């Protein structure tokens, strides 16, 4: 993630959140737990993991066709 330019506005903060979430995922946490730990917030029917994935898509890190299979 060091090769991503910080840009203007909140982009730098989002990249820092993504970095924190990636470290949490690599340490074994679930997607929603890692997203919450990194600072992504759930609201209504949208959970924190969905907001994390949306931020990744918005920055171009993953494509629009990327799907996550969730198990209960």
PDB file of N, CA and C in Angstrom:
ATOM      1  N   UNK A   1       0.808  -1.182   0.000  1.00  0.00           N
ATOM      2  CA  UNK A   1       0.000   0.000   0.000  1.00  0.00           C
ATOM      3  C   UNK A   1       0.860   1.257   0.000  1.00  0.00           C
ATOM      4  N   UNK A   2       2.141   1.077   0.141  1.00  0.00           N
ATOM      5  CA  UNK A   2       3.018   2.240   0.136  1.00  0.00           C
ATOM      6  C   UNK A   2       3.095   2.895  -1.232  1.00  0.00           C
ATOM      7  N   UNK A   3       2.738   2.156  -2.294  1.00  0.00           N
ATOM      8  CA  UNK A   3       2.822   2.726  -3.627  1.00  0.00           C
ATOM      9  C   UNK A   3       1.571   3.525  -3.994  1.00  0.00           C
ATOM     10  N   UNK A   4       0.567   3.586  -3.117  1.00  0.00           N
ATOM     11  CA  UNK A   4      -0.633   4.378  -3.380  1.00  0.00           C
ATOM     12  C   UNK A   4      -0.391   5.818  -2.955  1.00  0.00           C
ATOM     13  N   UNK A   5      -0.611   6.771  -3.850  1.00  0.00           N
ATOM     14  CA  UNK A   5      -0.429   8.169  -3.466  1.00  0.00           C
ATOM     15  C   UNK A   5      -1.530   8.595  -2.491  1.00  0.00           C
ATOM     16  N   UNK A   6      -1.184   9.454  -1.553  1.00  0.00           N
ATOM     17  CA  UNK A   6      -2.140   9.885  -0.535  1.00  0.00           C
ATOM     18  C   UNK A   6      -3.291  10.682  -1.133  1.00  0.00           C
ATOM     19  N   UNK A   7      -3.020  11.499  -2.136  1.00  0.00           N
ATOM     20  CA  UNK A   7      -4.081  12.261  -2.778  1.00  0.00           C
ATOM     21  C   UNK A   7      -4.596  13.387  -1.910  1.00  0.00           C
ATOM     22  N   UNK A   8      -5.809  13.839  -2.269  1.00  0.00           N
ATOM     23  CA  UNK A   8      -6.410  14.955  -1.539  1.00  0.00           C
ATOM     24  C   UNK A   8      -7.557  14.453  -0.670  1.00  0.00           C
ATOM     25  N   UNK A   9      -7.908  15.257   0.292  1.00  0.00           N
ATOM     26  CA  UNK A   9      -9.064  14.942   1.120  1.00  0.00           C
ATOM     27  C   UNK A   9      -8.828  13.780   2.062  1.00  0.00           C
ATOM     28  N   UNK A  10      -9.812  12.879   2.120  1.00  0.00           N
ATOM     29  CA  UNK A  10      -9.766  11.785   3.086  1.00  0.00           C
ATOM     30  C   UNK A  10      -9.099  10.527   2.537  1.00  0.00           C
ATOM     31  N   UNK A  11      -8.529  10.599   1.346  1.00  0.00           N
ATOM     32  CA  UNK A  11      -7.932   9.415   0.730  1.00  0.00           C
ATOM     33  C   UNK A  11      -6.809   8.835   1.588  1.00  0.00           C
ATOM     34  N   UNK A  12      -5.982   9.687   2.144  1.00  0.00           N
ATOM     35  CA  UNK A  12      -4.884   9.215   2.995  1.00  0.00           C
ATOM     36  C   UNK A  12      -5.385   8.482   4.225  1.00  0.00           C
ATOM     37  N   UNK A  13      -6.464   8.993   4.816  1.00  0.00           N
ATOM     38  CA  UNK A  13      -7.035   8.342   5.993  1.00  0.00           C
ATOM     39  C   UNK A  13      -7.630   6.980   5.631  1.00  0.00           C
ATOM     40  N   UNK A  14      -8.261   6.895   4.461  1.00  0.00           N
ATOM     41  CA  UNK A  14      -8.845   5.625   4.029  1.00  0.00           C
ATOM     42  C   UNK A  14      -7.748   4.601   3.755  1.00  0.00           C
ATOM     43  N   UNK A  15      -6.647   5.037   3.167  1.00  0.00           N
ATOM     44  CA  UNK A  15      -5.529   4.122   2.907  1.00  0.00           C
ATOM     45  C   UNK A  15      -4.943   3.611   4.221  1.00  0.00           C
ATOM     46  N   UNK A  16      -4.869   4.473   5.235  1.00  0.00           N
ATOM     47  CA  UNK A  16      -4.389   4.027   6.551  1.00  0.00           C
ATOM     48  C   UNK A  16      -5.343   3.011   7.176  1.00  0.00           C
ATOM     49  N   UNK A  17      -6.659   3.242   7.000  1.00  0.00           N
ATOM     50  CA  UNK A  17      -7.645   2.277   7.509  1.00  0.00           C
ATOM     51  C   UNK A  17      -7.515   0.936   6.789  1.00  0.00           C
ATOM     52  N   UNK A  18      -7.304   0.981   5.476  1.00  0.00           N
ATOM     53  CA  UNK A  18      -7.146  -0.253   4.705  1.00  0.00           C
ATOM     54  C   UNK A  18      -5.900  -1.014   5.148  1.00  0.00           C
ATOM     55  N   UNK A  19      -4.837  -0.293   5.430  1.00  0.00           N
ATOM     56  CA  UNK A  19      -3.606  -0.927   5.893  1.00  0.00           C
ATOM     57  C   UNK A  19      -3.838  -1.613   7.247  1.00  0.00           C
ATOM     58  N   UNK A  20      -4.545  -0.934   8.136  1.00  0.00           N
ATOM     59  CA  UNK A  20      -4.836  -1.517   9.448  1.00  0.00           C
ATOM     60  C   UNK A  20      -5.732  -2.749   9.314  1.00  0.00           C
ATOM     61  N   UNK A  21      -6.700  -2.678   8.418  1.00  0.00           N
ATOM     62  CA  UNK A  21      -7.593  -3.820   8.202  1.00  0.00           C
ATOM     63  C   UNK A  21      -6.833  -4.996   7.608  1.00  0.00           C
ATOM     64  N   UNK A  22      -5.901  -4.724   6.695  1.00  0.00           N
ATOM     65  CA  UNK A  22      -5.120  -5.795   6.087  1.00  0.00           C
ATOM     66  C   UNK A  22      -4.257  -6.509   7.131  1.00  0.00           C
ATOM     67  N   UNK A  23      -3.667  -5.744   8.038  1.00  0.00           N
ATOM     68  CA  UNK A  23      -2.859  -6.344   9.105  1.00  0.00           C
ATOM     69  C   UNK A  23      -3.745  -7.206  10.003  1.00  0.00           C
ATOM     70  N   UNK A  24      -4.949  -6.711  10.315  1.00  0.00           N
ATOM     71  CA  UNK A  24      -5.863  -7.474  11.168  1.00  0.00           C
ATOM     72  C   UNK A  24      -6.329  -8.746  10.468  1.00  0.00           C
ATOM     73  N   UNK A  25      -6.583  -8.675   9.160  1.00  0.00           N
ATOM     74  CA  UNK A  25      -6.983  -9.862   8.410  1.00  0.00           C
ATOM     75  C   UNK A  25      -5.863 -10.898   8.382  1.00  0.00           C
ATOM     76  N   UNK A  26      -4.642 -10.430   8.214  1.00  0.00           N
ATOM     77  CA  UNK A  26      -3.510 -11.353   8.188  1.00  0.00           C
ATOM     78  C   UNK A  26      -3.245 -11.984   9.550  1.00  0.00           C
ATOM     79  N   UNK A  27      -3.682 -11.318  10.604  1.00  0.00           N
ATOM     80  CA  UNK A  27      -3.501 -11.893  11.935  1.00  0.00           C
ATOM     81  C   UNK A  27      -4.604 -12.882  12.290  1.00  0.00           C
ATOM     82  N   UNK A  28      -5.614 -13.014  11.411  1.00  0.00           N
ATOM     83  CA  UNK A  28      -6.622 -14.045  11.617  1.00  0.00           C
ATOM     84  C   UNK A  28      -8.008 -13.564  11.971  1.00  0.00           C
ATOM     85  N   UNK A  29      -8.232 -12.276  12.023  1.00  0.00           N
ATOM     86  CA  UNK A  29      -9.567 -11.789  12.338  1.00  0.00           C
ATOM     87  C   UNK A  29     -10.500 -11.961  11.136  1.00  0.00           C
ATOM     88  N   UNK A  30     -11.798 -12.018  11.413  1.00  0.00           N
ATOM     89  CA  UNK A  30     -12.797 -12.080  10.346  1.00  0.00           C
ATOM     90  C   UNK A  30     -12.920 -10.709   9.687  1.00  0.00           C
ATOM     91  N   UNK A  31     -13.553 -10.681   8.522  1.00  0.00           N
ATOM     92  CA  UNK A  31     -13.641  -9.450   7.724  1.00  0.00           C
ATOM     93  C   UNK A  31     -14.321  -8.331   8.496  1.00  0.00           C
ATOM     94  N   UNK A  32     -15.484  -8.598   9.078  1.00  0.00           N
ATOM     95  CA  UNK A  32     -16.205  -7.557   9.804  1.00  0.00           C
ATOM     96  C   UNK A  32     -15.448  -7.082  11.036  1.00  0.00           C
ATOM     97  N   UNK A  33     -14.805  -8.004  11.732  1.00  0.00           N
ATOM     98  CA  UNK A  33     -14.025  -7.635  12.918  1.00  0.00           C
ATOM     99  C   UNK A  33     -12.832  -6.771  12.531  1.00  0.00           C
ATOM    100  N   UNK A  34     -12.161  -7.132  11.455  1.00  0.00           N
ATOM    101  CA  UNK A  34     -11.004  -6.356  10.998  1.00  0.00           C
ATOM    102  C   UNK A  34     -11.423  -4.968  10.540  1.00  0.00           C
ATOM    103  N   UNK A  35     -12.550  -4.895   9.854  1.00  0.00           N
ATOM    104  CA  UNK A  35     -13.036  -3.600   9.378  1.00  0.00           C
ATOM    105  C   UNK A  35     -13.421  -2.692  10.538  1.00  0.00           C
ATOM    106  N   UNK A  36     -14.075  -3.261  11.531  1.00  0.00           N
ATOM    107  CA  UNK A  36     -14.454  -2.470  12.705  1.00  0.00           C
ATOM    108  C   UNK A  36     -13.223  -2.006  13.462  1.00  0.00           C
ATOM    109  N   UNK A  37     -12.246  -2.882  13.606  1.00  0.00           N
ATOM    110  CA  UNK A  37     -11.012  -2.527  14.293  1.00  0.00           C
ATOM    111  C   UNK A  37     -10.267  -1.411  13.559  1.00  0.00           C
ATOM    112  N   UNK A  38     -10.347  -1.417  12.229  1.00  0.00           N
ATOM    113  CA  UNK A  38      -9.649  -0.413  11.431  1.00  0.00           C
ATOM    114  C   UNK A  38     -10.373   0.929  11.418  1.00  0.00           C
ATOM    115  N   UNK A  39     -11.645   0.940  11.809  1.00  0.00           N
ATOM    116  CA  UNK A  39     -12.355   2.215  11.867  1.00  0.00           C
ATOM    117  C   UNK A  39     -13.514   2.348  10.906  1.00  0.00           C
ATOM    118  N   UNK A  40     -13.836   1.306  10.157  1.00  0.00           N
ATOM    119  CA  UNK A  40     -15.005   1.341   9.293  1.00  0.00           C
ATOM    120  C   UNK A  40     -16.234   1.087  10.157  1.00  0.00           C
ATOM    121  N   UNK A  41     -17.294   1.858   9.932  1.00  0.00           N
ATOM    122  CA  UNK A  41     -18.468   1.771  10.791  1.00  0.00           C
ATOM    123  C   UNK A  41     -19.643   1.162  10.054  1.00  0.00           C
ATOM    124  N   UNK A  42     -20.397   0.353  10.763  1.00  0.00           N
ATOM    125  CA  UNK A  42     -21.620  -0.226  10.219  1.00  0.00           C
ATOM    126  C   UNK A  42     -22.766   0.759  10.442  1.00  0.00           C
ATOM    127  N   UNK A  43     -23.721   0.745   9.506  1.00  0.00           N
ATOM    128  CA  UNK A  43     -24.895   1.592   9.686  1.00  0.00           C
ATOM    129  C   UNK A  43     -26.077   0.937   8.985  1.00  0.00           C
ATOM    130  N   UNK A  44     -27.168   0.826   9.692  1.00  0.00           N
ATOM    131  CA  UNK A  44     -28.357   0.230   9.102  1.00  0.00           C
ATOM    132  C   UNK A  44     -28.126  -1.204   8.702  1.00  0.00           C
ATOM    133  N   UNK A  45     -28.365  -1.506   7.426  1.00  0.00           N
ATOM    134  CA  UNK A  45     -28.181  -2.872   6.936  1.00  0.00           C
ATOM    135  C   UNK A  45     -26.789  -3.105   6.371  1.00  0.00           C
ATOM    136  N   UNK A  46     -25.964  -2.076   6.311  1.00  0.00           N
ATOM    137  CA  UNK A  46     -24.612  -2.195   5.764  1.00  0.00           C
ATOM    138  C   UNK A  46     -23.635  -2.488   6.897  1.00  0.00           C
ATOM    139  N   UNK A  47     -22.919  -3.608   6.791  1.00  0.00           N
ATOM    140  CA  UNK A  47     -21.961  -3.937   7.845  1.00  0.00           C
ATOM    141  C   UNK A  47     -20.595  -3.331   7.534  1.00  0.00           C
ATOM    142  N   UNK A  48     -19.708  -3.396   8.496  1.00  0.00           N
ATOM    143  CA  UNK A  48     -18.394  -2.771   8.370  1.00  0.00           C
ATOM    144  C   UNK A  48     -17.564  -3.431   7.269  1.00  0.00           C
ATOM    145  N   UNK A  49     -17.698  -4.749   7.101  1.00  0.00           N
ATOM    146  CA  UNK A  49     -16.949  -5.442   6.056  1.00  0.00           C
ATOM    147  C   UNK A  49     -17.340  -4.979   4.661  1.00  0.00           C
ATOM    148  N   UNK A  50     -18.614  -4.700   4.465  1.00  0.00           N
ATOM    149  CA  UNK A  50     -19.078  -4.202   3.163  1.00  0.00           C
ATOM    150  C   UNK A  50     -18.501  -2.819   2.875  1.00  0.00           C
ATOM    151  N   UNK A  51     -18.398  -2.012   3.916  1.00  0.00           N
ATOM    152  CA  UNK A  51     -17.805  -0.679   3.728  1.00  0.00           C
ATOM    153  C   UNK A  51     -16.312  -0.775   3.411  1.00  0.00           C
ATOM    154  N   UNK A  52     -15.641  -1.738   4.014  1.00  0.00           N
ATOM    155  CA  UNK A  52     -14.228  -1.980   3.711  1.00  0.00           C
ATOM    156  C   UNK A  52     -14.053  -2.382   2.252  1.00  0.00           C
ATOM    157  N   UNK A  53     -14.875  -3.302   1.785  1.00  0.00           N
ATOM    158  CA  UNK A  53     -14.784  -3.738   0.387  1.00  0.00           C
ATOM    159  C   UNK A  53     -15.131  -2.610  -0.573  1.00  0.00           C
ATOM    160  N   UNK A  54     -16.102  -1.790  -0.222  1.00  0.00           N
ATOM    161  CA  UNK A  54     -16.461  -0.660  -1.077  1.00  0.00           C
ATOM    162  C   UNK A  54     -15.303   0.341  -1.183  1.00  0.00           C
ATOM    163  N   UNK A  55     -14.605   0.561  -0.077  1.00  0.00           N
ATOM    164  CA  UNK A  55     -13.443   1.458  -0.102  1.00  0.00           C
ATOM    165  C   UNK A  55     -12.345   0.893  -0.995  1.00  0.00           C
ATOM    166  N   UNK A  56     -12.142  -0.425  -0.956  1.00  0.00           N
ATOM    167  CA  UNK A  56     -11.146  -1.061  -1.828  1.00  0.00           C
ATOM    168  C   UNK A  56     -11.517  -0.894  -3.295  1.00  0.00           C
ATOM    169  N   UNK A  57     -12.792  -1.078  -3.605  1.00  0.00           N
ATOM    170  CA  UNK A  57     -13.253  -0.915  -4.983  1.00  0.00           C
ATOM    171  C   UNK A  57     -13.121   0.529  -5.437  1.00  0.00           C
ATOM    172  N   UNK A  58     -13.451   1.464  -4.546  1.00  0.00           N
ATOM    173  CA  UNK A  58     -13.391   2.886  -4.887  1.00  0.00           C
ATOM    174  C   UNK A  58     -11.959   3.323  -5.190  1.00  0.00           C
ATOM    175  N   UNK A  59     -10.988   2.746  -4.485  1.00  0.00           N
ATOM    176  CA  UNK A  59      -9.583   3.085  -4.726  1.00  0.00           C
ATOM    177  C   UNK A  59      -8.978   2.305  -5.888  1.00  0.00           C
ATOM    178  N   UNK A  60      -9.719   1.327  -6.404  1.00  0.00           N
ATOM    179  CA  UNK A  60      -9.231   0.560  -7.545  1.00  0.00           C
ATOM    180  C   UNK A  60      -8.360  -0.621  -7.165  1.00  0.00           C
ATOM    181  N   UNK A  61      -8.388  -1.022  -5.902  1.00  0.00           N
ATOM    182  CA  UNK A  61      -7.569  -2.147  -5.478  1.00  0.00           C
ATOM    183  C   UNK A  61      -8.163  -3.477  -5.907  1.00  0.00           C
ATOM    184  N   UNK A  62      -9.491  -3.552  -5.982  1.00  0.00           N
ATOM    185  CA  UNK A  62     -10.170  -4.751  -6.476  1.00  0.00           C
ATOM    186  C   UNK A  62     -11.184  -4.329  -7.521  1.00  0.00           C
ATOM    187  N   UNK A  63     -11.505  -5.239  -8.435  1.00  0.00           N
ATOM    188  CA  UNK A  63     -12.426  -4.935  -9.521  1.00  0.00           C
ATOM    189  C   UNK A  63     -13.880  -4.986  -9.086  1.00  0.00           C
ATOM    190  N   UNK A  64     -14.767  -4.520  -9.959  1.00  0.00           N
ATOM    191  CA  UNK A  64     -16.182  -4.508  -9.645  1.00  0.00           C
ATOM    192  C   UNK A  64     -16.769  -5.907  -9.602  1.00  0.00           C
ATOM    193  N   UNK A  65     -16.187  -6.856 -10.318  1.00  0.00           N
ATOM    194  CA  UNK A  65     -16.699  -8.208 -10.333  1.00  0.00           C
ATOM    195  C   UNK A  65     -16.261  -9.056  -9.159  1.00  0.00           C
ATOM    196  N   UNK A  66     -15.507  -8.477  -8.249  1.00  0.00           N
ATOM    197  CA  UNK A  66     -14.997  -9.204  -7.093  1.00  0.00           C
ATOM    198  C   UNK A  66     -16.138  -9.518  -6.141  1.00  0.00           C
ATOM    199  N   UNK A  67     -16.259 -10.754  -5.719  1.00  0.00           N
ATOM    200  CA  UNK A  67     -17.319 -11.151  -4.795  1.00  0.00           C
ATOM    201  C   UNK A  67     -16.704 -11.869  -3.603  1.00  0.00           C
ATOM    202  N   UNK A  68     -17.264 -11.648  -2.441  1.00  0.00           N
ATOM    203  CA  UNK A  68     -16.808 -12.303  -1.231  1.00  0.00           C
ATOM    204  C   UNK A  68     -17.868 -13.304  -0.812  1.00  0.00           C
ATOM    205  N   UNK A  69     -17.437 -14.530  -0.593  1.00  0.00           N
ATOM    206  CA  UNK A  69     -18.356 -15.547  -0.109  1.00  0.00           C
ATOM    207  C   UNK A  69     -18.329 -15.515   1.414  1.00  0.00           C
ATOM    208  N   UNK A  70     -19.467 -15.314   1.986  1.00  0.00           N
ATOM    209  CA  UNK A  70     -19.565 -15.260   3.450  1.00  0.00           C
ATOM    210  C   UNK A  70     -20.160 -16.559   3.957  1.00  0.00           C
ATOM    211  N   UNK A  71     -19.580 -17.082   5.019  1.00  0.00           N
ATOM    212  CA  UNK A  71     -20.137 -18.278   5.643  1.00  0.00           C
ATOM    213  C   UNK A  71     -20.562 -17.921   7.063  1.00  0.00           C
ATOM    214  N   UNK A  72     -21.574 -18.587   7.486  1.00  0.00           N
ATOM    215  CA  UNK A  72     -22.139 -18.282   8.806  1.00  0.00           C
ATOM    216  C   UNK A  72     -21.332 -18.851   9.933  1.00  0.00           C
TER     217      UNK A  72
END
